C-alpha atoms as a PDB file:
ATOM      1  CA  MET A   1      -0.004  -0.158   0.148  1.00  0.00           C
ATOM      2  CA  SER A   2       1.295   3.433  -1.049  1.00  0.00           C
ATOM      3  CA  ARG A   3       1.817   5.659   1.626  1.00  0.00           C
ATOM      4  CA  LEU A   4      -1.543   7.896   2.905  1.00  0.00           C
ATOM      5  CA  SER A   5      -1.791  11.562   3.076  1.00  0.00           C
ATOM      6  CA  LEU A   6      -4.678  14.095   4.166  1.00  0.00           C
ATOM      7  CA  ASP A   7      -5.326  14.622   0.361  1.00  0.00           C
ATOM      8  CA  THR A   8      -5.477  10.378  -0.521  1.00  0.00           C
ATOM      9  CA  LEU A   9      -9.129   9.446  -1.958  1.00  0.00           C
ATOM     10  CA  VAL A  10     -10.691   6.525  -0.349  1.00  0.00           C
ATOM     11  CA  ALA A  11     -13.235   3.754  -1.565  1.00  0.00           C
ATOM     12  CA  LYS A  12     -14.907   0.771  -0.352  1.00  0.00           C
ATOM     13  CA  ASN A  13     -13.590  -2.080  -1.671  1.00  0.00           C
ATOM     14  CA  SER A  14     -17.232  -3.128  -2.332  1.00  0.00           C
ATOM     15  CA  ASP A  15     -16.805  -6.419  -4.534  1.00  0.00           C
ATOM     16  CA  GLN A  16     -14.733  -7.586  -1.264  1.00  0.00           C
ATOM     17  CA  ILE A  17     -17.194  -6.682   1.705  1.00  0.00           C
ATOM     18  CA  ILE A  18     -20.535  -6.717   2.946  1.00  0.00           C
ATOM     19  CA  ASP A  19     -21.167  -4.316   5.314  1.00  0.00           C
ATOM     20  CA  ARG A  20     -24.669  -3.202   7.572  1.00  0.00           C
ATOM     21  CA  VAL A  21     -24.999  -0.509  10.582  1.00  0.00           C
ATOM     22  CA  VAL A  22     -27.221  -1.967  13.340  1.00  0.00           C
ATOM     23  CA  ASP A  23     -27.358  -0.004  16.345  1.00  0.00           C
ATOM     24  CA  SER A  24     -24.806   2.795  15.162  1.00  0.00           C
ATOM     25  CA  GLU A  25     -22.212   0.379  14.629  1.00  0.00           C
ATOM     26  CA  ALA A  26     -20.774  -0.964  11.228  1.00  0.00           C
ATOM     27  CA  LEU A  27     -20.529  -4.586  10.608  1.00  0.00           C
ATOM     28  CA  LEU A  28     -18.037  -5.781   8.053  1.00  0.00           C
ATOM     29  CA  ILE A  29     -17.392  -8.539   6.618  1.00  0.00           C
ATOM     30  CA  HIS A  30     -14.435  -9.623   4.292  1.00  0.00           C
ATOM     31  CA  LEU A  31     -16.055 -12.069   1.707  1.00  0.00           C
ATOM     32  CA  SER A  32     -12.544 -13.767   0.783  1.00  0.00           C
ATOM     33  CA  SER A  33     -10.884 -14.001   4.284  1.00  0.00           C
ATOM     34  CA  GLY A  34     -14.254 -14.351   5.903  1.00  0.00           C
ATOM     35  CA  ASP A  35     -13.018 -12.045   8.597  1.00  0.00           C
ATOM     36  CA  TYR A  36     -15.501  -9.950  10.384  1.00  0.00           C
ATOM     37  CA  PHE A  37     -14.933  -6.358  11.746  1.00  0.00           C
ATOM     38  CA  SER A  38     -17.116  -4.127  13.686  1.00  0.00           C
ATOM     39  CA  LEU A  39     -16.641   0.168  14.146  1.00  0.00           C
ATOM     40  CA  ASP A  40     -17.645   2.198  17.017  1.00  0.00           C
ATOM     41  CA  SER A  41     -20.181   5.198  16.266  1.00  0.00           C
ATOM     42  CA  VAL A  42     -16.936   7.518  15.208  1.00  0.00           C
ATOM     43  CA  GLY A  43     -15.766   4.654  12.795  1.00  0.00           C
ATOM     44  CA  THR A  44     -19.097   3.935  11.668  1.00  0.00           C
ATOM     45  CA  CYS A  45     -19.631   7.720  10.583  1.00  0.00           C
ATOM     46  CA  ILE A  46     -16.444   7.854   8.815  1.00  0.00           C
ATOM     47  CA  TRP A  47     -17.281   4.496   7.192  1.00  0.00           C
ATOM     48  CA  GLU A  48     -20.676   5.519   5.842  1.00  0.00           C
ATOM     49  CA  SER A  49     -19.219   8.746   4.524  1.00  0.00           C
ATOM     50  CA  ILE A  50     -16.316   6.906   2.315  1.00  0.00           C
ATOM     51  CA  ASP A  51     -17.849   7.152  -1.433  1.00  0.00           C
ATOM     52  CA  GLY A  52     -14.980   7.097  -3.613  1.00  0.00           C
ATOM     53  CA  SER A  53     -15.138  10.971  -4.203  1.00  0.00           C
ATOM     54  CA  LYS A  54     -14.066  12.137  -0.503  1.00  0.00           C
ATOM     55  CA  THR A  55     -10.144  12.238   0.689  1.00  0.00           C
ATOM     56  CA  ILE A  56      -8.748  11.701   3.891  1.00  0.00           C
ATOM     57  CA  GLN A  57      -9.218  15.391   4.327  1.00  0.00           C
ATOM     58  CA  ASP A  58     -12.699  15.660   4.071  1.00  0.00           C
ATOM     59  CA  LEU A  59     -13.022  12.491   6.386  1.00  0.00           C
ATOM     60  CA  VAL A  60     -11.296  14.349   9.013  1.00  0.00           C
ATOM     61  CA  ASP A  61     -13.386  17.959   8.357  1.00  0.00           C
ATOM     62  CA  LEU A  62     -16.696  15.571   8.971  1.00  0.00           C
ATOM     63  CA  VAL A  63     -14.876  14.055  12.368  1.00  0.00           C
ATOM     64  CA  LEU A  64     -14.405  17.670  13.141  1.00  0.00           C
ATOM     65  CA  GLU A  65     -18.056  18.925  12.289  1.00  0.00           C
ATOM     66  CA  GLU A  66     -19.612  16.103  14.337  1.00  0.00           C
ATOM     67  CA  TYR A  67     -17.490  15.506  17.442  1.00  0.00           C
ATOM     68  CA  ASN A  68     -15.899  17.586  19.943  1.00  0.00           C
ATOM     69  CA  VAL A  69     -12.046  17.091  18.917  1.00  0.00           C
ATOM     70  CA  ASP A  70      -9.182  18.715  18.480  1.00  0.00           C
ATOM     71  CA  SER A  71      -8.126  18.812  14.318  1.00  0.00           C
ATOM     72  CA  GLU A  72      -4.847  17.178  15.381  1.00  0.00           C
ATOM     73  CA  GLN A  73      -6.382  13.977  17.074  1.00  0.00           C
ATOM     74  CA  ALA A  74      -9.378  13.669  14.212  1.00  0.00           C
ATOM     75  CA  GLY A  75      -6.277  13.703  11.442  1.00  0.00           C
ATOM     76  CA  ALA A  76      -4.278  11.250  13.474  1.00  0.00           C
ATOM     77  CA  ASP A  77      -7.402   9.027  14.454  1.00  0.00           C
ATOM     78  CA  VAL A  78      -8.681   8.789  10.912  1.00  0.00           C
ATOM     79  CA  LEU A  79      -5.557   8.322   9.157  1.00  0.00           C
ATOM     80  CA  ARG A  80      -4.906   5.144  11.411  1.00  0.00           C
ATOM     81  CA  LEU A  81      -8.454   4.285  10.643  1.00  0.00           C
ATOM     82  CA  VAL A  82      -8.144   4.359   6.943  1.00  0.00           C
ATOM     83  CA  LYS A  83      -5.254   2.453   7.157  1.00  0.00           C
ATOM     84  CA  LYS A  84      -6.048  -0.361   9.168  1.00  0.00           C
ATOM     85  CA  LEU A  85      -9.257  -0.272   6.718  1.00  0.00           C
ATOM     86  CA  ALA A  86      -6.922  -0.704   3.628  1.00  0.00           C
ATOM     87  CA  ASP A  87      -4.529  -3.076   5.358  1.00  0.00           C
ATOM     88  CA  GLU A  88      -7.471  -5.555   5.945  1.00  0.00           C
ATOM     89  CA  GLY A  89      -8.526  -5.141   2.034  1.00  0.00           C
ATOM     90  CA  LEU A  90     -11.859  -3.124   2.899  1.00  0.00           C
ATOM     91  CA  VAL A  91     -11.075   0.135   1.286  1.00  0.00           C
ATOM     92  CA  VAL A  92      -8.804   0.910  -1.566  1.00  0.00           C
ATOM     93  CA  THR A  93      -6.762   4.135  -1.753  1.00  0.00           C
ATOM     94  CA  ARG A  94      -5.432   6.449  -4.155  1.00  0.00           C
END
């Protein structure tokens, strides 16, 4: 995977996942591996916003609008989540 930056575009790897939101928690299943993932409410907010047209910065801005967190922390947390999702094959980046 390439190095992530705030201008990296993020898209769901739709042909490899099934996802559902239940009680503000995103439940993700990777079809090839069978691995199961769950995201808390903040992660779910980010997950639902990933549509292939948003950059990591767009996702950080969304977190800043929705939650009481400073920009440095929001940036670090969103980058960490996107990296984890990409490493697991749940999203693709470019």
